[in-house]
C-alpha atoms as a PDB file:
ATOM      1  CA  MET A   1       2.705  13.093  35.017  1.00  0.00           C
ATOM      2  CA  GLU A   2      -0.825  10.627  34.946  1.00  0.00           C
ATOM      3  CA  ALA A   3      -3.746  13.070  36.123  1.00  0.00           C
ATOM      4  CA  ARG A   4      -6.403  10.308  37.333  1.00  0.00           C
ATOM      5  CA  TRP A   5     -10.084  11.601  38.123  1.00  0.00           C
ATOM      6  CA  GLN A   6     -12.341  10.153  41.063  1.00  0.00           C
ATOM      7  CA  GLU A   7     -15.850   9.157  41.119  1.00  0.00           C
ATOM      8  CA  LEU A   8     -19.116  11.823  40.630  1.00  0.00           C
ATOM      9  CA  TYR A   9     -21.130  11.558  43.303  1.00  0.00           C
ATOM     10  CA  LYS A  10     -24.692  13.400  42.378  1.00  0.00           C
ATOM     11  CA  THR A  11     -26.197  15.079  45.650  1.00  0.00           C
ATOM     12  CA  ASP A  12     -29.217  16.772  43.604  1.00  0.00           C
ATOM     13  CA  ASN A  13     -30.390  17.915  40.360  1.00  0.00           C
ATOM     14  CA  HIS A  14     -27.974  20.281  40.144  1.00  0.00           C
ATOM     15  CA  THR A  15     -25.042  19.300  42.348  1.00  0.00           C
ATOM     16  CA  LEU A  16     -21.722  16.382  41.455  1.00  0.00           C
ATOM     17  CA  VAL A  17     -19.230  16.133  43.910  1.00  0.00           C
ATOM     18  CA  THR A  18     -15.599  14.289  43.020  1.00  0.00           C
ATOM     19  CA  VAL A  19     -12.126  14.458  43.898  1.00  0.00           C
ATOM     20  CA  SER A  20      -9.854  16.896  42.101  1.00  0.00           C
ATOM     21  CA  PRO A  21      -7.850  15.588  39.374  1.00  0.00           C
ATOM     22  CA  ILE A  22      -4.671  14.174  41.138  1.00  0.00           C
ATOM     23  CA  THR A  23      -1.601  13.211  39.829  1.00  0.00           C
ATOM     24  CA  THR A  24       0.402  10.132  40.585  1.00  0.00           C
ATOM     25  CA  SER A  25       2.845  12.197  42.769  1.00  0.00           C
ATOM     26  CA  GLN A  26      -0.233  13.387  44.444  1.00  0.00           C
ATOM     27  CA  LEU A  27      -1.573   9.941  45.537  1.00  0.00           C
ATOM     28  CA  ARG A  28      -0.483  10.966  49.953  1.00  0.00           C
ATOM     29  CA  GLU A  29      -1.504  14.287  49.718  1.00  0.00           C
ATOM     30  CA  ARG A  30      -4.951  15.032  51.338  1.00  0.00           C
ATOM     31  CA  ALA A  31      -7.997  14.494  49.289  1.00  0.00           C
ATOM     32  CA  ARG A  32      -9.335  18.025  47.410  1.00  0.00           C
ATOM     33  CA  VAL A  33     -13.222  17.224  47.482  1.00  0.00           C
ATOM     34  CA  GLN A  34     -14.508  19.660  45.057  1.00  0.00           C
ATOM     35  CA  VAL A  35     -18.490  20.356  44.598  1.00  0.00           C
ATOM     36  CA  LEU A  36     -19.456  21.324  41.038  1.00  0.00           C
ATOM     37  CA  ASP A  37     -23.052  23.198  40.029  1.00  0.00           C
ATOM     38  CA  VAL A  38     -24.113  21.477  36.810  1.00  0.00           C
ATOM     39  CA  ASP A  39     -26.175  22.562  33.920  1.00  0.00           C
ATOM     40  CA  ARG A  40     -26.362  23.145  30.828  1.00  0.00           C
ATOM     41  CA  LYS A  41     -23.373  25.562  30.240  1.00  0.00           C
ATOM     42  CA  GLY A  42     -21.567  23.220  31.768  1.00  0.00           C
ATOM     43  CA  ALA A  43     -19.793  22.643  35.450  1.00  0.00           C
ATOM     44  CA  ARG A  44     -18.305  25.314  37.909  1.00  0.00           C
ATOM     45  CA  LEU A  45     -16.747  24.736  41.064  1.00  0.00           C
ATOM     46  CA  ARG A  46     -18.963  26.266  44.010  1.00  0.00           C
ATOM     47  CA  ALA A  47     -16.837  24.986  46.771  1.00  0.00           C
ATOM     48  CA  GLU A  48     -13.766  23.114  47.579  1.00  0.00           C
ATOM     49  CA  PHE A  49     -12.702  21.612  50.803  1.00  0.00           C
ATOM     50  CA  SER A  50      -9.873  18.887  51.877  1.00  0.00           C
ATOM     51  CA  SER A  51      -9.741  15.411  53.643  1.00  0.00           C
ATOM     52  CA  ASP A  52      -7.252  13.412  55.616  1.00  0.00           C
ATOM     53  CA  SER A  53      -9.989  10.220  55.301  1.00  0.00           C
ATOM     54  CA  TRP A  54     -12.547  10.851  51.771  1.00  0.00           C
ATOM     55  CA  ALA A  55     -14.509   7.546  51.177  1.00  0.00           C
ATOM     56  CA  PRO A  56     -17.722   8.795  49.673  1.00  0.00           C
ATOM     57  CA  ASP A  57     -20.564   5.934  50.439  1.00  0.00           C
ATOM     58  CA  ASP A  58     -23.625   7.707  49.248  1.00  0.00           C
ATOM     59  CA  ALA A  59     -25.628  10.503  48.340  1.00  0.00           C
ATOM     60  CA  GLY A  60     -28.454  12.747  48.049  1.00  0.00           C
ATOM     61  CA  ASP A  61     -30.618  15.840  49.147  1.00  0.00           C
ATOM     62  CA  GLY A  62     -27.374  18.446  49.375  1.00  0.00           C
ATOM     63  CA  ILE A  63     -25.721  15.534  51.346  1.00  0.00           C
ATOM     64  CA  ILE A  64     -22.628  13.546  51.184  1.00  0.00           C
ATOM     65  CA  ILE A  65     -21.941  10.931  53.554  1.00  0.00           C
ATOM     66  CA  SER A  66     -18.113   9.673  53.691  1.00  0.00           C
ATOM     67  CA  GLY A  67     -16.731   6.682  55.784  1.00  0.00           C
ATOM     68  CA  GLY A  68     -13.232   7.126  57.079  1.00  0.00           C
ATOM     69  CA  ASN A  69     -10.580   6.220  59.551  1.00  0.00           C
ATOM     70  CA  PRO A  70      -8.525   8.886  60.117  1.00  0.00           C
ATOM     71  CA  GLU A  71      -6.527   6.985  62.918  1.00  0.00           C
ATOM     72  CA  SER A  72      -5.584   3.974  60.412  1.00  0.00           C
ATOM     73  CA  PRO A  73      -5.799   5.733  56.590  1.00  0.00           C
ATOM     74  CA  GLY A  74      -6.339   3.028  54.068  1.00  0.00           C
ATOM     75  CA  SER A  75      -7.941   0.336  56.733  1.00  0.00           C
ATOM     76  CA  ALA A  76     -10.992  -1.755  56.188  1.00  0.00           C
ATOM     77  CA  GLY A  77     -14.376  -0.372  57.999  1.00  0.00           C
ATOM     78  CA  ALA A  78     -15.066   3.664  59.160  1.00  0.00           C
ATOM     79  CA  SER A  79     -14.295   4.780  62.472  1.00  0.00           C
ATOM     80  CA  VAL A  80     -15.743   7.828  61.428  1.00  0.00           C
ATOM     81  CA  LEU A  81     -19.063   8.887  59.429  1.00  0.00           C
ATOM     82  CA  THR A  82     -19.345  12.418  58.056  1.00  0.00           C
ATOM     83  CA  GLY A  83     -22.230  14.256  56.341  1.00  0.00           C
ATOM     84  CA  TYR A  84     -20.810  16.736  54.356  1.00  0.00           C
ATOM     85  CA  ASP A  85     -23.325  19.393  53.284  1.00  0.00           C
ATOM     86  CA  THR A  86     -23.073  20.444  49.628  1.00  0.00           C
ATOM     87  CA  GLN A  87     -25.180  23.671  49.057  1.00  0.00           C
ATOM     88  CA  VAL A  88     -22.205  25.238  51.703  1.00  0.00           C
ATOM     89  CA  GLY A  89     -19.149  22.674  50.468  1.00  0.00           C
ATOM     90  CA  LYS A  90     -18.438  22.281  54.633  1.00  0.00           C
ATOM     91  CA  ARG A  91     -18.637  19.288  57.609  1.00  0.00           C
ATOM     92  CA  ALA A  92     -22.539  19.021  58.250  1.00  0.00           C
ATOM     93  CA  TRP A  93     -22.035  16.856  61.085  1.00  0.00           C
ATOM     94  CA  GLU A  94     -19.519  13.833  62.518  1.00  0.00           C
ATOM     95  CA  ARG A  95     -20.565  10.597  64.487  1.00  0.00           C
ATOM     96  CA  ARG A  96     -17.757   8.353  65.512  1.00  0.00           C
ATOM     97  CA  ALA A  97     -18.039   4.966  66.012  1.00  0.00           C
ATOM     98  CA  PRO A  98     -17.810   3.686  70.149  1.00  0.00           C
ATOM     99  CA  ALA A  99     -14.644   1.829  70.956  1.00  0.00           C
ATOM    100  CA  GLY A 100     -14.506  -1.741  69.493  1.00  0.00           C
ATOM    101  CA  ASN A 101     -16.925  -1.117  66.677  1.00  0.00           C
ATOM    102  CA  LEU A 102     -16.396  -0.048  63.007  1.00  0.00           C
ATOM    103  CA  PHE A 103     -19.714   1.624  60.312  1.00  0.00           C
ATOM    104  CA  GLY A 104     -20.017  -0.671  57.508  1.00  0.00           C
ATOM    105  CA  PHE A 105     -20.500   1.000  54.166  1.00  0.00           C
ATOM    106  CA  ALA A 106     -23.582   3.584  54.187  1.00  0.00           C
ATOM    107  CA  LYS A 107     -26.824   4.231  52.392  1.00  0.00           C
ATOM    108  CA  PHE A 108     -28.735   7.728  51.645  1.00  0.00           C
ATOM    109  CA  ALA A 109     -32.250   7.543  51.691  1.00  0.00           C
ATOM    110  CA  ASP A 110     -35.508   9.396  52.084  1.00  0.00           C
ATOM    111  CA  GLY A 111     -33.428  11.788  54.193  1.00  0.00           C
ATOM    112  CA  ARG A 112     -32.276   9.515  56.379  1.00  0.00           C
ATOM    113  CA  VAL A 113     -28.313   7.623  56.842  1.00  0.00           C
ATOM    114  CA  TYR A 114     -28.829   3.989  57.426  1.00  0.00           C
ATOM    115  CA  VAL A 115     -25.522   2.315  58.495  1.00  0.00           C
ATOM    116  CA  VAL A 116     -24.452  -0.678  60.168  1.00  0.00           C
ATOM    117  CA  GLN A 117     -22.452  -0.113  63.649  1.00  0.00           C
ATOM    118  CA  ASN A 118     -20.199  -3.366  63.793  1.00  0.00           C
ATOM    119  CA  SER A 119     -18.666  -5.048  66.620  1.00  0.00           C
ATOM    120  CA  THR A 120     -14.905  -5.845  66.059  1.00  0.00           C
ATOM    121  CA  ILE A 121     -14.483  -9.292  64.741  1.00  0.00           C
ATOM    122  CA  SER A 122     -11.191 -10.842  65.895  1.00  0.00           C
ATOM    123  CA  GLU A 123      -9.785 -12.609  63.233  1.00  0.00           C
ATOM    124  CA  GLY A 124      -8.334 -15.821  64.966  1.00  0.00           C
ATOM    125  CA  ASP A 125     -11.314 -17.154  66.873  1.00  0.00           C
ATOM    126  CA  GLU A 126     -13.272 -19.608  64.570  1.00  0.00           C
ATOM    127  CA  SER A 127     -16.826 -18.899  66.154  1.00  0.00           C
ATOM    128  CA  ARG A 128     -16.666 -15.589  65.870  1.00  0.00           C
ATOM    129  CA  VAL A 129     -20.052 -13.656  66.485  1.00  0.00           C
ATOM    130  CA  LEU A 130     -20.688 -10.635  65.034  1.00  0.00           C
ATOM    131  CA  HIS A 131     -22.636  -8.029  67.089  1.00  0.00           C
ATOM    132  CA  ALA A 132     -24.200  -4.951  64.904  1.00  0.00           C
ATOM    133  CA  ASP A 133     -26.901  -2.587  65.081  1.00  0.00           C
ATOM    134  CA  LEU A 134     -28.596  -0.790  63.042  1.00  0.00           C
ATOM    135  CA  LEU A 135     -28.324   2.614  62.400  1.00  0.00           C
ATOM    136  CA  VAL A 136     -30.777   5.152  61.326  1.00  0.00           C
ATOM    137  CA  LEU A 137     -29.344   8.664  61.201  1.00  0.00           C
ATOM    138  CA  ASP A 138     -30.939  12.010  60.226  1.00  0.00           C
ATOM    139  CA  ALA A 139     -28.958  12.684  57.486  1.00  0.00           C
ATOM    140  CA  HIS A 140     -28.754  16.598  57.234  1.00  0.00           C
ATOM    141  CA  SER A 141     -28.134  16.190  61.178  1.00  0.00           C
ATOM    142  CA  GLY A 142     -26.449  13.290  61.446  1.00  0.00           C
ATOM    143  CA  ASP A 143     -28.444  12.813  64.953  1.00  0.00           C
ATOM    144  CA  LEU A 144     -29.579   9.054  65.830  1.00  0.00           C
ATOM    145  CA  LEU A 145     -33.375   8.495  64.510  1.00  0.00           C
ATOM    146  CA  HIS A 146     -33.783   4.897  65.815  1.00  0.00           C
ATOM    147  CA  ARG A 147     -31.419   2.091  66.183  1.00  0.00           C
ATOM    148  CA  LEU A 148     -32.516  -1.932  65.804  1.00  0.00           C
ATOM    149  CA  ARG A 149     -30.307  -4.457  67.609  1.00  0.00           C
ATOM    150  CA  LEU A 150     -29.881  -6.821  65.119  1.00  0.00           C
ATOM    151  CA  PRO A 151     -29.304 -11.123  65.984  1.00  0.00           C
ATOM    152  CA  ASP A 152     -25.949 -11.856  66.840  1.00  0.00           C
ATOM    153  CA  MET A 153     -24.570 -13.967  63.938  1.00  0.00           C
ATOM    154  CA  THR A 154     -21.835 -16.456  62.851  1.00  0.00           C
ATOM    155  CA  VAL A 155     -19.482 -14.519  60.389  1.00  0.00           C
ATOM    156  CA  PRO A 156     -19.192 -16.694  57.455  1.00  0.00           C
ATOM    157  CA  ARG A 157     -15.772 -19.399  57.589  1.00  0.00           C
ATOM    158  CA  GLY A 158     -12.935 -17.239  55.636  1.00  0.00           C
ATOM    159  CA  PHE A 159     -14.530 -14.142  55.893  1.00  0.00           C
ATOM    160  CA  ILE A 160     -12.352 -11.219  56.813  1.00  0.00           C
ATOM    161  CA  GLY A 161     -13.744  -7.883  56.967  1.00  0.00           C
ATOM    162  CA  THR A 162     -14.835  -5.462  59.524  1.00  0.00           C
ATOM    163  CA  GLY A 163     -19.144  -6.985  59.329  1.00  0.00           C
ATOM    164  CA  LEU A 164     -22.381  -6.160  57.804  1.00  0.00           C
ATOM    165  CA  THR A 165     -22.672  -3.096  55.631  1.00  0.00           C
ATOM    166  CA  VAL A 166     -26.119  -1.561  54.175  1.00  0.00           C
ATOM    167  CA  ARG A 167     -26.299  -2.731  50.668  1.00  0.00           C
ATOM    168  CA  ASP A 168     -29.677  -0.803  49.597  1.00  0.00           C
ATOM    169  CA  ALA A 169     -32.173   1.143  51.154  1.00  0.00           C
ATOM    170  CA  SER A 170     -35.689   2.209  49.613  1.00  0.00           C
ATOM    171  CA  ASP A 171     -39.253   2.542  50.774  1.00  0.00           C
ATOM    172  CA  GLY A 172     -38.735   1.407  54.090  1.00  0.00           C
ATOM    173  CA  VAL A 173     -36.844  -1.777  53.025  1.00  0.00           C
ATOM    174  CA  ILE A 174     -33.321  -2.180  53.825  1.00  0.00           C
ATOM    175  CA  ARG A 175     -30.961  -4.970  52.425  1.00  0.00           C
ATOM    176  CA  LEU A 176     -27.953  -5.764  54.257  1.00  0.00           C
ATOM    177  CA  GLY A 177     -24.965  -8.399  53.569  1.00  0.00           C
ATOM    178  CA  TRP A 178     -21.199  -9.310  53.805  1.00  0.00           C
ATOM    179  CA  PRO A 179     -19.469  -7.081  51.660  1.00  0.00           C
ATOM    180  CA  GLU A 180     -18.322  -9.827  49.683  1.00  0.00           C
ATOM    181  CA  ALA A 181     -21.118 -11.142  47.245  1.00  0.00           C
ATOM    182  CA  LEU A 182     -20.777 -14.704  48.241  1.00  0.00           C
ATOM    183  CA  HIS A 183     -22.421 -14.409  51.357  1.00  0.00           C
ATOM    184  CA  ASP A 184     -26.116 -14.707  51.758  1.00  0.00           C
ATOM    185  CA  GLU A 185     -28.068 -11.049  52.156  1.00  0.00           C
ATOM    186  CA  LEU A 186     -30.677  -9.881  55.245  1.00  0.00           C
ATOM    187  CA  PHE A 187     -33.511  -7.869  54.487  1.00  0.00           C
ATOM    188  CA  VAL A 188     -34.505  -5.526  57.405  1.00  0.00           C
ATOM    189  CA  THR A 189     -37.631  -3.584  57.052  1.00  0.00           C
END
């Protein structure tokens, strides 16, 4: 059996979060997420928890953000956004997208989580229009701090996906774009 490590996420200067190494025979099992204390002596397990839909987006300030779709694992887009407190190794908050909406990829900056809530894009319609909101959440509580309605946009021809995503957030400037790098990007301040 071959063991495969997943990505590491830094949540503060001394904490990493990763998924336990899994073997090919364990691929369909729930993810075992590990919170590790790291110093010059090495890494020590602080906490471990399981998740049915572990798909980390970003981390910082002791919080890791994971988007998932528990009703349809493996599908594109997240119907649930979850913040995990790495100090205690437990879920701190959860936010569900309203019916007919999915979250894009979220980014962490300055104690906030920036995420686009996209309307569902129908694949058969040639004049597909995306309705979306940029949400600003408190990273530690998940509370909505601000909502900005984005202008309605025509979905690029040939695009198959869930909509806009946050590419970067820094110093009050948010860079949004389509998940595929071939499409134009938008900036929001």
